[in-house]
Structure formats: structure tokens, C-alpha cells
Amino acid sequence: MNSAVSKYAVWLAAAAFLAAGLISPSTASAKKLNVVTATTDLAALAQEVGGDRINVESIAKGYQDPHFVEAKPSFLLKLRQADLLIVVGLQLEIGWLPPLITQSGNSRIQVGANGYLDASQFAEILEIPQGSITRAMGDVHPLGNPHYWLDPDNGRRVAKGIAAKLGETDPEKPTTTHCRTLPSTSG
């Protein structure tokens, strides 16, 4: 019986030693930031900028109209675990995302919090309507065309904004370690 107990103690000690090595401070500091984006286009930009330092998930899929996304409970789980939420802005997600942000209970990603990024602030916005605007006018975007990311120069601006935000969100790693070199768009 003593030999069985001593073998068990040796195995237990070995397992504890192994676990201690796997959960070292260097492993803990290698935690990736969880980034959630409203669209797959923003997810692609964030992944390109953040590389292997971040995990990225998009709420709206590429085949969905980002104006009208049917909210699902799984979106709340993504948002609860997010360190950073990147939205298109210009009220593109107004019909579905604000209630999800509120219901997520994640204080990091609430509008105005450090983990909330409206990517439209970095873009040159076109087609801003002038004068009185009503819903009777059809699909009019009162703050301008929210499809700004289709312009390569705006994509570059947004990518730089994402890099800066990643640096703010993860102060242990400077912005430059998050940002990959972006190709020039000038001819």
C-alpha cells in the first residue's frame, strides 16, 4: 500500500510541476486580445494589423447585409469576452448592435469606453446628405456613406487607427508591435 501511495505522490508532484511550467508568467503575458468586429471587412483589417497577437471574430458574416443583422444569443457571448469592439459607425449597425452592446454587460466595450472603436472616425466620409432628411427618402445614410472601407485609402487610415487602439488596449505591447507594415497606395 505504501508503494502505491508513494507512486501516486510522485505522479501528483510531477503533474503539479508540469502544470506550473505551463502556467508560467511568460505564458500568461502571451494572452491574446479578443477583438470583435461588426463586419468581416473590419475583421480582416484587424487581423492583418494585429496578426497573431489577437483573436478576431466578426458578428455579421460576409453574406449578411450589415444594416440588418438578426441578433443571436451567441453574439452576446462574443461581446462579453471582447477586449475591443470595432464598429463601422455612421449608424450602419444602429438597428441591431446597440442593444447587444448594452446587454453584454461588458464595460470595456460600451460606447465611449477604451475598448470601443468607431472606425469611421479615421475615414474620409463621402455622400453626406445636405438639408432635411426623412425615412421617406429611402435608404439614406444621414451621417454619410458607411461603406467607406471600400476605398483603399480609407482602409489604410482605418488600419492605422486600429493599430493605435490595439496599442492603447494592450499597454504591455507598444502600438508598433501590433501593426504590420502596410503597403503604400500612392502610385
N, C-alpha and C. Protein backbone atom coordinates (compact mmCIF):
# COMPACT_ATOMS: atom_id res chain seq x y z
N MET A 1 0.82 -1.19 0.00
CA MET A 1 0.00 0.00 0.00
C MET A 1 0.86 1.25 0.00
N ASN A 2 1.98 1.24 0.73
CA ASN A 2 2.86 2.40 0.77
C ASN A 2 3.46 2.70 -0.59
N SER A 3 3.82 1.66 -1.35
CA SER A 3 4.40 1.89 -2.66
C SER A 3 3.36 2.50 -3.61
N ALA A 4 2.10 2.11 -3.48
CA ALA A 4 1.04 2.70 -4.31
C ALA A 4 0.86 4.17 -3.96
N VAL A 5 0.90 4.49 -2.66
CA VAL A 5 0.75 5.87 -2.22
C VAL A 5 1.94 6.69 -2.68
N SER A 6 3.16 6.14 -2.57
CA SER A 6 4.33 6.90 -2.98
C SER A 6 4.37 7.11 -4.50
N LYS A 7 3.90 6.12 -5.29
CA LYS A 7 3.83 6.29 -6.74
C LYS A 7 2.82 7.39 -7.07
N TYR A 8 1.69 7.38 -6.36
CA TYR A 8 0.68 8.41 -6.58
C TYR A 8 1.25 9.78 -6.24
N ALA A 9 1.99 9.87 -5.14
CA ALA A 9 2.57 11.15 -4.74
C ALA A 9 3.58 11.64 -5.78
N VAL A 10 4.37 10.71 -6.35
CA VAL A 10 5.35 11.09 -7.38
C VAL A 10 4.61 11.61 -8.62
N TRP A 11 3.54 10.90 -9.04
CA TRP A 11 2.78 11.33 -10.21
C TRP A 11 2.11 12.68 -9.95
N LEU A 12 1.59 12.86 -8.75
CA LEU A 12 0.94 14.12 -8.40
C LEU A 12 1.95 15.26 -8.42
N ALA A 13 3.14 15.03 -7.85
CA ALA A 13 4.18 16.05 -7.84
C ALA A 13 4.63 16.39 -9.26
N ALA A 14 4.78 15.36 -10.10
CA ALA A 14 5.19 15.58 -11.49
C ALA A 14 4.13 16.39 -12.24
N ALA A 15 2.87 16.06 -12.02
CA ALA A 15 1.78 16.79 -12.69
C ALA A 15 1.76 18.24 -12.23
N ALA A 16 1.95 18.48 -10.94
CA ALA A 16 1.97 19.84 -10.41
C ALA A 16 3.15 20.62 -10.99
N PHE A 17 4.31 20.00 -11.10
CA PHE A 17 5.49 20.64 -11.67
C PHE A 17 5.25 21.00 -13.13
N LEU A 18 4.66 20.07 -13.88
CA LEU A 18 4.36 20.31 -15.29
C LEU A 18 3.36 21.44 -15.44
N ALA A 19 2.30 21.43 -14.63
CA ALA A 19 1.29 22.48 -14.70
C ALA A 19 1.89 23.83 -14.36
N ALA A 20 2.77 23.88 -13.38
CA ALA A 20 3.41 25.14 -13.01
C ALA A 20 4.24 25.68 -14.17
N GLY A 21 4.87 24.81 -14.90
CA GLY A 21 5.65 25.23 -16.06
C GLY A 21 4.78 25.72 -17.20
N LEU A 22 3.60 25.13 -17.36
CA LEU A 22 2.70 25.54 -18.43
C LEU A 22 2.01 26.86 -18.13
N ILE A 23 1.83 27.16 -16.87
CA ILE A 23 1.14 28.39 -16.48
C ILE A 23 2.16 29.37 -15.91
N SER A 24 3.22 29.56 -16.62
CA SER A 24 4.27 30.47 -16.17
C SER A 24 3.86 31.91 -16.49
N PRO A 25 4.51 32.88 -15.86
CA PRO A 25 4.19 34.28 -16.15
C PRO A 25 4.36 34.62 -17.63
N SER A 26 5.33 34.01 -18.30
CA SER A 26 5.52 34.33 -19.71
C SER A 26 4.35 33.83 -20.54
N THR A 27 3.76 32.69 -20.17
CA THR A 27 2.59 32.19 -20.88
C THR A 27 1.39 33.08 -20.60
N ALA A 28 1.23 33.49 -19.35
CA ALA A 28 0.11 34.34 -19.00
C ALA A 28 0.19 35.68 -19.73
N SER A 29 1.40 36.23 -19.90
CA SER A 29 1.53 37.52 -20.57
C SER A 29 1.33 37.40 -22.07
N ALA A 30 1.32 36.18 -22.59
CA ALA A 30 1.14 35.97 -24.02
C ALA A 30 -0.34 35.91 -24.39
N LYS A 31 -1.23 36.26 -23.45
CA LYS A 31 -2.66 36.24 -23.72
C LYS A 31 -2.98 37.16 -24.89
N LYS A 32 -3.76 36.63 -25.81
CA LYS A 32 -4.15 37.42 -26.97
C LYS A 32 -5.35 38.29 -26.63
N LEU A 33 -5.42 39.45 -27.28
CA LEU A 33 -6.59 40.30 -27.13
C LEU A 33 -7.74 39.71 -27.93
N ASN A 34 -8.93 39.73 -27.37
CA ASN A 34 -10.13 39.28 -28.08
C ASN A 34 -10.77 40.49 -28.74
N VAL A 35 -10.78 40.49 -30.06
CA VAL A 35 -11.34 41.59 -30.83
C VAL A 35 -12.59 41.09 -31.54
N VAL A 36 -13.67 41.84 -31.40
CA VAL A 36 -14.92 41.54 -32.09
C VAL A 36 -15.20 42.72 -33.01
N THR A 37 -15.58 42.42 -34.25
CA THR A 37 -15.90 43.47 -35.20
C THR A 37 -17.34 43.31 -35.67
N ALA A 38 -17.89 44.39 -36.18
CA ALA A 38 -19.26 44.35 -36.69
C ALA A 38 -19.33 43.62 -38.02
N THR A 39 -18.29 43.76 -38.86
CA THR A 39 -18.30 43.17 -40.20
C THR A 39 -17.04 42.37 -40.47
N THR A 40 -17.12 41.52 -41.47
CA THR A 40 -15.95 40.71 -41.84
C THR A 40 -14.85 41.57 -42.45
N ASP A 41 -15.21 42.68 -43.09
CA ASP A 41 -14.19 43.57 -43.64
C ASP A 41 -13.33 44.17 -42.53
N LEU A 42 -13.97 44.61 -41.46
CA LEU A 42 -13.21 45.14 -40.32
C LEU A 42 -12.41 44.04 -39.65
N ALA A 43 -12.96 42.83 -39.61
CA ALA A 43 -12.23 41.70 -39.02
C ALA A 43 -10.96 41.43 -39.82
N ALA A 44 -11.06 41.49 -41.14
CA ALA A 44 -9.88 41.25 -41.99
C ALA A 44 -8.82 42.32 -41.75
N LEU A 45 -9.24 43.58 -41.64
CA LEU A 45 -8.28 44.65 -41.36
C LEU A 45 -7.62 44.45 -39.99
N ALA A 46 -8.44 44.16 -38.98
CA ALA A 46 -7.90 43.96 -37.63
C ALA A 46 -6.93 42.79 -37.60
N GLN A 47 -7.26 41.69 -38.26
CA GLN A 47 -6.38 40.52 -38.28
C GLN A 47 -5.07 40.84 -38.99
N GLU A 48 -5.15 41.59 -40.06
CA GLU A 48 -3.94 41.96 -40.80
C GLU A 48 -3.04 42.84 -39.95
N VAL A 49 -3.63 43.75 -39.20
CA VAL A 49 -2.85 44.66 -38.36
C VAL A 49 -2.34 43.94 -37.11
N GLY A 50 -3.22 43.20 -36.44
CA GLY A 50 -2.87 42.59 -35.17
C GLY A 50 -2.12 41.28 -35.27
N GLY A 51 -2.25 40.60 -36.40
CA GLY A 51 -1.53 39.35 -36.60
C GLY A 51 -1.84 38.32 -35.53
N ASP A 52 -0.80 37.64 -35.07
CA ASP A 52 -1.00 36.55 -34.11
C ASP A 52 -1.14 37.03 -32.67
N ARG A 53 -1.18 38.33 -32.46
CA ARG A 53 -1.34 38.88 -31.11
C ARG A 53 -2.80 39.03 -30.71
N ILE A 54 -3.72 38.81 -31.67
CA ILE A 54 -5.14 38.98 -31.38
C ILE A 54 -5.95 37.81 -31.91
N ASN A 55 -7.11 37.60 -31.30
CA ASN A 55 -8.14 36.70 -31.82
C ASN A 55 -9.25 37.61 -32.33
N VAL A 56 -9.70 37.38 -33.55
CA VAL A 56 -10.72 38.24 -34.15
C VAL A 56 -11.94 37.43 -34.54
N GLU A 57 -13.11 37.96 -34.21
CA GLU A 57 -14.37 37.37 -34.64
C GLU A 57 -15.26 38.49 -35.14
N SER A 58 -16.00 38.20 -36.19
CA SER A 58 -16.94 39.16 -36.75
C SER A 58 -18.36 38.72 -36.38
N ILE A 59 -19.20 39.70 -36.08
CA ILE A 59 -20.59 39.37 -35.78
C ILE A 59 -21.35 39.12 -37.08
N ALA A 60 -21.38 40.11 -37.96
CA ALA A 60 -22.06 39.93 -39.24
C ALA A 60 -21.14 39.13 -40.16
N LYS A 61 -21.70 38.21 -40.86
CA LYS A 61 -20.94 37.40 -41.82
C LYS A 61 -20.96 38.10 -43.18
N GLY A 62 -20.05 37.73 -44.04
CA GLY A 62 -19.90 38.37 -45.34
C GLY A 62 -21.13 38.31 -46.22
N TYR A 63 -21.95 37.30 -46.04
CA TYR A 63 -23.15 37.15 -46.87
C TYR A 63 -24.34 37.93 -46.30
N GLN A 64 -24.18 38.54 -45.13
CA GLN A 64 -25.29 39.26 -44.50
C GLN A 64 -25.23 40.74 -44.83
N ASP A 65 -26.39 41.36 -44.87
CA ASP A 65 -26.48 42.80 -45.04
C ASP A 65 -26.16 43.42 -43.67
N PRO A 66 -25.06 44.18 -43.55
CA PRO A 66 -24.69 44.71 -42.23
C PRO A 66 -25.67 45.73 -41.66
N HIS A 67 -26.62 46.18 -42.49
CA HIS A 67 -27.65 47.08 -41.98
C HIS A 67 -28.66 46.32 -41.13
N PHE A 68 -28.87 45.04 -41.49
CA PHE A 68 -29.94 44.25 -40.86
C PHE A 68 -29.39 42.88 -40.46
N VAL A 69 -28.86 42.78 -39.28
CA VAL A 69 -28.34 41.51 -38.78
C VAL A 69 -29.29 41.03 -37.69
N GLU A 70 -29.69 39.78 -37.80
CA GLU A 70 -30.57 39.21 -36.79
C GLU A 70 -29.74 38.85 -35.56
N ALA A 71 -30.05 39.48 -34.45
CA ALA A 71 -29.29 39.26 -33.21
C ALA A 71 -29.50 37.84 -32.71
N LYS A 72 -28.40 37.24 -32.26
CA LYS A 72 -28.43 35.88 -31.71
C LYS A 72 -27.77 35.87 -30.33
N PRO A 73 -28.19 34.96 -29.46
CA PRO A 73 -27.56 34.86 -28.13
C PRO A 73 -26.05 34.64 -28.20
N SER A 74 -25.57 33.96 -29.23
CA SER A 74 -24.13 33.71 -29.35
C SER A 74 -23.35 35.01 -29.52
N PHE A 75 -24.00 36.05 -30.05
CA PHE A 75 -23.32 37.34 -30.20
C PHE A 75 -23.01 37.94 -28.82
N LEU A 76 -23.92 37.72 -27.86
CA LEU A 76 -23.69 38.25 -26.51
C LEU A 76 -22.45 37.62 -25.88
N LEU A 77 -22.26 36.33 -26.10
CA LEU A 77 -21.08 35.66 -25.56
C LEU A 77 -19.81 36.25 -26.16
N LYS A 78 -19.81 36.46 -27.47
CA LYS A 78 -18.64 37.08 -28.12
C LYS A 78 -18.36 38.45 -27.53
N LEU A 79 -19.41 39.24 -27.37
CA LEU A 79 -19.24 40.59 -26.85
C LEU A 79 -18.81 40.59 -25.38
N ARG A 80 -19.30 39.65 -24.61
CA ARG A 80 -18.90 39.57 -23.19
C ARG A 80 -17.41 39.31 -23.04
N GLN A 81 -16.84 38.57 -23.97
CA GLN A 81 -15.43 38.18 -23.89
C GLN A 81 -14.51 39.14 -24.63
N ALA A 82 -15.07 40.17 -25.25
CA ALA A 82 -14.26 41.08 -26.08
C ALA A 82 -13.45 42.06 -25.24
N ASP A 83 -12.21 42.25 -25.67
CA ASP A 83 -11.37 43.32 -25.12
C ASP A 83 -11.55 44.59 -25.94
N LEU A 84 -11.90 44.40 -27.22
CA LEU A 84 -12.07 45.52 -28.14
C LEU A 84 -13.21 45.20 -29.11
N LEU A 85 -14.08 46.17 -29.31
CA LEU A 85 -15.16 46.07 -30.29
C LEU A 85 -14.93 47.15 -31.34
N ILE A 86 -14.87 46.74 -32.60
CA ILE A 86 -14.67 47.68 -33.70
C ILE A 86 -15.94 47.72 -34.54
N VAL A 87 -16.53 48.90 -34.66
CA VAL A 87 -17.76 49.07 -35.42
C VAL A 87 -17.51 49.94 -36.65
N VAL A 88 -18.35 49.77 -37.66
CA VAL A 88 -18.28 50.61 -38.86
C VAL A 88 -18.66 52.03 -38.51
N GLY A 89 -19.71 52.18 -37.72
CA GLY A 89 -20.16 53.51 -37.32
C GLY A 89 -21.10 54.13 -38.35
N LEU A 90 -21.29 55.43 -38.25
CA LEU A 90 -22.19 56.18 -39.13
C LEU A 90 -23.59 55.56 -39.13
N GLN A 91 -23.97 54.97 -38.02
CA GLN A 91 -25.28 54.35 -37.79
C GLN A 91 -25.55 53.13 -38.66
N LEU A 92 -24.51 52.51 -39.23
CA LEU A 92 -24.71 51.31 -40.03
C LEU A 92 -25.34 50.20 -39.20
N GLU A 93 -24.88 50.04 -37.95
CA GLU A 93 -25.32 48.94 -37.08
C GLU A 93 -26.42 49.35 -36.12
N ILE A 94 -27.01 50.54 -36.34
CA ILE A 94 -27.95 51.12 -35.36
C ILE A 94 -29.13 50.22 -35.05
N GLY A 95 -29.57 49.40 -35.99
CA GLY A 95 -30.76 48.59 -35.78
C GLY A 95 -30.54 47.31 -35.00
N TRP A 96 -29.29 46.92 -34.75
CA TRP A 96 -29.08 45.64 -34.08
C TRP A 96 -27.94 45.61 -33.06
N LEU A 97 -26.92 46.43 -33.22
CA LEU A 97 -25.76 46.31 -32.34
C LEU A 97 -25.89 47.03 -30.98
N PRO A 98 -26.44 48.23 -30.91
CA PRO A 98 -26.51 48.90 -29.60
C PRO A 98 -27.15 48.08 -28.48
N PRO A 99 -28.30 47.40 -28.72
CA PRO A 99 -28.86 46.59 -27.63
C PRO A 99 -27.94 45.43 -27.22
N LEU A 100 -27.23 44.86 -28.18
CA LEU A 100 -26.31 43.77 -27.86
C LEU A 100 -25.15 44.27 -26.99
N ILE A 101 -24.64 45.44 -27.31
CA ILE A 101 -23.54 46.01 -26.52
C ILE A 101 -24.01 46.21 -25.08
N THR A 102 -25.18 46.79 -24.92
CA THR A 102 -25.72 47.04 -23.58
C THR A 102 -25.95 45.74 -22.83
N GLN A 103 -26.59 44.77 -23.49
CA GLN A 103 -26.93 43.51 -22.84
C GLN A 103 -25.71 42.64 -22.57
N SER A 104 -24.60 42.91 -23.21
CA SER A 104 -23.41 42.08 -23.00
C SER A 104 -22.88 42.23 -21.58
N GLY A 105 -23.12 43.38 -20.96
CA GLY A 105 -22.62 43.62 -19.62
C GLY A 105 -21.11 43.83 -19.57
N ASN A 106 -20.48 44.00 -20.72
CA ASN A 106 -19.04 44.19 -20.78
C ASN A 106 -18.73 45.67 -20.77
N SER A 107 -18.25 46.18 -19.64
CA SER A 107 -17.99 47.61 -19.51
C SER A 107 -16.85 48.08 -20.42
N ARG A 108 -15.98 47.16 -20.84
CA ARG A 108 -14.85 47.56 -21.69
C ARG A 108 -15.29 48.02 -23.07
N ILE A 109 -16.42 47.52 -23.58
CA ILE A 109 -16.80 47.80 -24.96
C ILE A 109 -18.01 48.71 -25.09
N GLN A 110 -18.44 49.31 -24.00
CA GLN A 110 -19.57 50.24 -24.10
C GLN A 110 -19.13 51.48 -24.88
N VAL A 111 -20.08 52.13 -25.54
CA VAL A 111 -19.76 53.33 -26.31
C VAL A 111 -19.04 54.33 -25.40
N GLY A 112 -17.90 54.81 -25.86
CA GLY A 112 -17.10 55.76 -25.09
C GLY A 112 -16.03 55.11 -24.23
N ALA A 113 -16.10 53.80 -24.04
CA ALA A 113 -15.09 53.09 -23.24
C ALA A 113 -13.84 52.85 -24.08
N ASN A 114 -12.75 52.51 -23.42
CA ASN A 114 -11.48 52.30 -24.12
C ASN A 114 -11.52 51.14 -25.11
N GLY A 115 -12.39 50.17 -24.89
CA GLY A 115 -12.47 49.02 -25.78
C GLY A 115 -13.51 49.15 -26.88
N TYR A 116 -13.97 50.37 -27.13
CA TYR A 116 -14.94 50.62 -28.20
C TYR A 116 -14.27 51.49 -29.25
N LEU A 117 -14.31 51.04 -30.50
CA LEU A 117 -13.67 51.80 -31.57
C LEU A 117 -14.64 51.96 -32.74
N ASP A 118 -15.00 53.20 -33.03
CA ASP A 118 -15.80 53.55 -34.20
C ASP A 118 -14.81 53.85 -35.32
N ALA A 119 -14.69 52.93 -36.26
CA ALA A 119 -13.68 53.05 -37.32
C ALA A 119 -13.95 54.21 -38.27
N SER A 120 -15.18 54.70 -38.32
CA SER A 120 -15.49 55.79 -39.24
C SER A 120 -14.74 57.08 -38.92
N GLN A 121 -14.28 57.21 -37.69
CA GLN A 121 -13.57 58.44 -37.31
C GLN A 121 -12.25 58.61 -38.07
N PHE A 122 -11.74 57.56 -38.67
CA PHE A 122 -10.47 57.62 -39.39
C PHE A 122 -10.65 57.81 -40.89
N ALA A 123 -11.87 57.71 -41.38
CA ALA A 123 -12.12 57.70 -42.82
C ALA A 123 -12.59 59.06 -43.33
N GLU A 124 -12.36 59.28 -44.60
CA GLU A 124 -12.96 60.42 -45.29
C GLU A 124 -14.34 59.97 -45.75
N ILE A 125 -15.36 60.60 -45.20
CA ILE A 125 -16.73 60.18 -45.46
C ILE A 125 -17.30 60.93 -46.66
N LEU A 126 -17.89 60.18 -47.55
CA LEU A 126 -18.50 60.75 -48.75
C LEU A 126 -20.02 60.71 -48.65
N GLU A 127 -20.66 61.40 -49.56
CA GLU A 127 -22.11 61.37 -49.71
C GLU A 127 -22.85 61.74 -48.42
N ILE A 128 -22.40 62.80 -47.77
CA ILE A 128 -23.10 63.28 -46.58
C ILE A 128 -24.28 64.12 -47.06
N PRO A 129 -25.50 63.69 -46.77
CA PRO A 129 -26.67 64.41 -47.28
C PRO A 129 -26.77 65.83 -46.68
N GLN A 130 -27.29 66.70 -47.47
CA GLN A 130 -27.49 68.09 -47.04
C GLN A 130 -28.98 68.34 -46.89
N GLY A 131 -29.34 69.21 -45.99
CA GLY A 131 -30.75 69.58 -45.82
C GLY A 131 -31.50 68.59 -44.95
N SER A 132 -32.81 68.66 -45.04
CA SER A 132 -33.70 67.84 -44.24
C SER A 132 -33.73 66.40 -44.77
N ILE A 133 -33.63 65.44 -43.86
CA ILE A 133 -33.61 64.02 -44.24
C ILE A 133 -34.71 63.30 -43.49
N THR A 134 -35.48 62.49 -44.24
CA THR A 134 -36.53 61.70 -43.62
C THR A 134 -36.43 60.26 -44.10
N ARG A 135 -37.07 59.35 -43.39
CA ARG A 135 -37.11 57.94 -43.79
C ARG A 135 -37.86 57.76 -45.11
N ALA A 136 -38.71 58.71 -45.46
CA ALA A 136 -39.45 58.63 -46.71
C ALA A 136 -38.51 58.69 -47.92
N MET A 137 -37.28 59.12 -47.70
CA MET A 137 -36.31 59.23 -48.79
C MET A 137 -35.69 57.87 -49.13
N GLY A 138 -36.03 56.84 -48.37
CA GLY A 138 -35.48 55.51 -48.64
C GLY A 138 -34.21 55.26 -47.84
N ASP A 139 -33.31 54.48 -48.42
CA ASP A 139 -32.07 54.09 -47.73
C ASP A 139 -31.05 55.22 -47.82
N VAL A 140 -31.26 56.23 -47.00
CA VAL A 140 -30.36 57.38 -46.95
C VAL A 140 -29.59 57.30 -45.65
N HIS A 141 -28.30 57.49 -45.72
CA HIS A 141 -27.45 57.47 -44.52
C HIS A 141 -27.22 58.92 -44.07
N PRO A 142 -27.87 59.34 -43.00
CA PRO A 142 -27.80 60.75 -42.60
C PRO A 142 -26.40 61.23 -42.23
N LEU A 143 -25.51 60.35 -41.85
CA LEU A 143 -24.15 60.76 -41.46
C LEU A 143 -23.14 60.55 -42.59
N GLY A 144 -23.61 60.08 -43.74
CA GLY A 144 -22.73 59.83 -44.87
C GLY A 144 -22.67 58.35 -45.20
N ASN A 145 -22.02 58.03 -46.27
CA ASN A 145 -21.94 56.66 -46.76
C ASN A 145 -21.09 55.80 -45.83
N PRO A 146 -21.70 54.81 -45.15
CA PRO A 146 -20.93 53.99 -44.21
C PRO A 146 -20.09 52.90 -44.89
N HIS A 147 -20.08 52.86 -46.20
CA HIS A 147 -19.29 51.85 -46.92
C HIS A 147 -17.93 52.42 -47.30
N TYR A 148 -17.38 53.27 -46.46
CA TYR A 148 -16.13 53.98 -46.69
C TYR A 148 -14.93 53.05 -46.83
N TRP A 149 -14.97 51.86 -46.24
CA TRP A 149 -13.81 50.97 -46.23
C TRP A 149 -13.49 50.42 -47.61
N LEU A 150 -14.40 50.59 -48.57
CA LEU A 150 -14.15 50.11 -49.93
C LEU A 150 -13.08 50.95 -50.64
N ASP A 151 -12.82 52.14 -50.14
CA ASP A 151 -11.76 53.00 -50.67
C ASP A 151 -10.44 52.55 -50.03
N PRO A 152 -9.44 52.15 -50.84
CA PRO A 152 -8.17 51.68 -50.27
C PRO A 152 -7.50 52.67 -49.33
N ASP A 153 -7.61 53.97 -49.63
CA ASP A 153 -7.00 54.97 -48.74
C ASP A 153 -7.70 54.98 -47.39
N ASN A 154 -9.02 54.85 -47.39
CA ASN A 154 -9.74 54.76 -46.12
C ASN A 154 -9.39 53.48 -45.39
N GLY A 155 -9.21 52.39 -46.12
CA GLY A 155 -8.80 51.14 -45.49
C GLY A 155 -7.48 51.30 -44.75
N ARG A 156 -6.54 52.01 -45.37
CA ARG A 156 -5.25 52.28 -44.73
C ARG A 156 -5.42 53.14 -43.48
N ARG A 157 -6.25 54.16 -43.58
CA ARG A 157 -6.49 55.04 -42.42
C ARG A 157 -7.11 54.26 -41.26
N VAL A 158 -8.08 53.43 -41.59
CA VAL A 158 -8.75 52.63 -40.56
C VAL A 158 -7.75 51.64 -39.94
N ALA A 159 -6.91 51.02 -40.77
CA ALA A 159 -5.92 50.08 -40.26
C ALA A 159 -4.96 50.77 -39.28
N LYS A 160 -4.55 51.98 -39.59
CA LYS A 160 -3.67 52.73 -38.67
C LYS A 160 -4.40 53.06 -37.38
N GLY A 161 -5.68 53.40 -37.49
CA GLY A 161 -6.48 53.67 -36.29
C GLY A 161 -6.63 52.43 -35.42
N ILE A 162 -6.82 51.28 -36.06
CA ILE A 162 -6.92 50.02 -35.32
C ILE A 162 -5.60 49.72 -34.62
N ALA A 163 -4.49 49.95 -35.31
CA ALA A 163 -3.17 49.71 -34.70
C ALA A 163 -2.98 50.57 -33.46
N ALA A 164 -3.37 51.83 -33.55
CA ALA A 164 -3.24 52.72 -32.40
C ALA A 164 -4.11 52.24 -31.24
N LYS A 165 -5.33 51.82 -31.55
CA LYS A 165 -6.24 51.35 -30.49
C LYS A 165 -5.73 50.06 -29.87
N LEU A 166 -5.15 49.18 -30.67
CA LEU A 166 -4.59 47.95 -30.11
C LEU A 166 -3.47 48.29 -29.12
N GLY A 167 -2.68 49.29 -29.45
CA GLY A 167 -1.63 49.72 -28.53
C GLY A 167 -2.17 50.28 -27.24
N GLU A 168 -3.28 51.01 -27.32
CA GLU A 168 -3.91 51.54 -26.11
C GLU A 168 -4.54 50.43 -25.27
N THR A 169 -5.16 49.48 -25.94
CA THR A 169 -5.88 48.41 -25.26
C THR A 169 -4.93 47.44 -24.58
N ASP A 170 -3.74 47.27 -25.15
CA ASP A 170 -2.75 46.36 -24.59
C ASP A 170 -1.46 47.13 -24.34
N PRO A 171 -1.40 47.90 -23.22
CA PRO A 171 -0.25 48.77 -22.98
C PRO A 171 1.07 48.03 -22.76
N GLU A 172 1.02 46.72 -22.50
CA GLU A 172 2.26 45.96 -22.33
C GLU A 172 3.00 45.79 -23.65
N LYS A 173 2.27 45.95 -24.74
CA LYS A 173 2.88 45.83 -26.06
C LYS A 173 2.66 47.14 -26.79
N PRO A 174 3.71 47.84 -27.15
CA PRO A 174 3.54 49.12 -27.85
C PRO A 174 2.80 48.94 -29.17
N THR A 175 2.22 50.02 -29.65
CA THR A 175 1.46 50.01 -30.89
C THR A 175 2.24 49.39 -32.03
N THR A 176 3.51 49.69 -32.12
CA THR A 176 4.30 49.21 -33.25
C THR A 176 4.42 47.69 -33.27
N THR A 177 4.29 47.03 -32.13
CA THR A 177 4.36 45.57 -32.15
C THR A 177 3.07 44.96 -32.66
N HIS A 178 1.99 45.73 -32.64
CA HIS A 178 0.73 45.23 -33.16
C HIS A 178 0.60 45.45 -34.65
N CYS A 179 1.16 46.53 -35.14
CA CYS A 179 0.92 46.95 -36.51
C CYS A 179 1.92 46.36 -37.47
N ARG A 180 1.40 45.65 -38.45
CA ARG A 180 2.25 45.17 -39.53
C ARG A 180 2.47 46.32 -40.50
N THR A 181 3.52 46.27 -41.27
CA THR A 181 3.78 47.30 -42.26
C THR A 181 2.73 47.23 -43.35
N LEU A 182 2.14 48.36 -43.65
CA LEU A 182 1.09 48.41 -44.66
C LEU A 182 1.69 48.92 -45.97
N PRO A 183 1.31 48.32 -47.09
CA PRO A 183 1.83 48.77 -48.37
C PRO A 183 1.33 50.17 -48.72
N SER A 184 2.11 50.89 -49.47
CA SER A 184 1.73 52.24 -49.88
C SER A 184 0.68 52.16 -50.97
N THR A 185 -0.25 53.12 -50.95
CA THR A 185 -1.27 53.16 -52.00
C THR A 185 -0.96 54.23 -53.03
N SER A 186 0.13 54.98 -52.81
CA SER A 186 0.46 56.01 -53.79
C SER A 186 1.17 55.38 -54.99
N GLY A 187 0.92 55.92 -56.17
CA GLY A 187 1.41 55.35 -57.41
C GLY A 187 2.80 55.68 -57.66
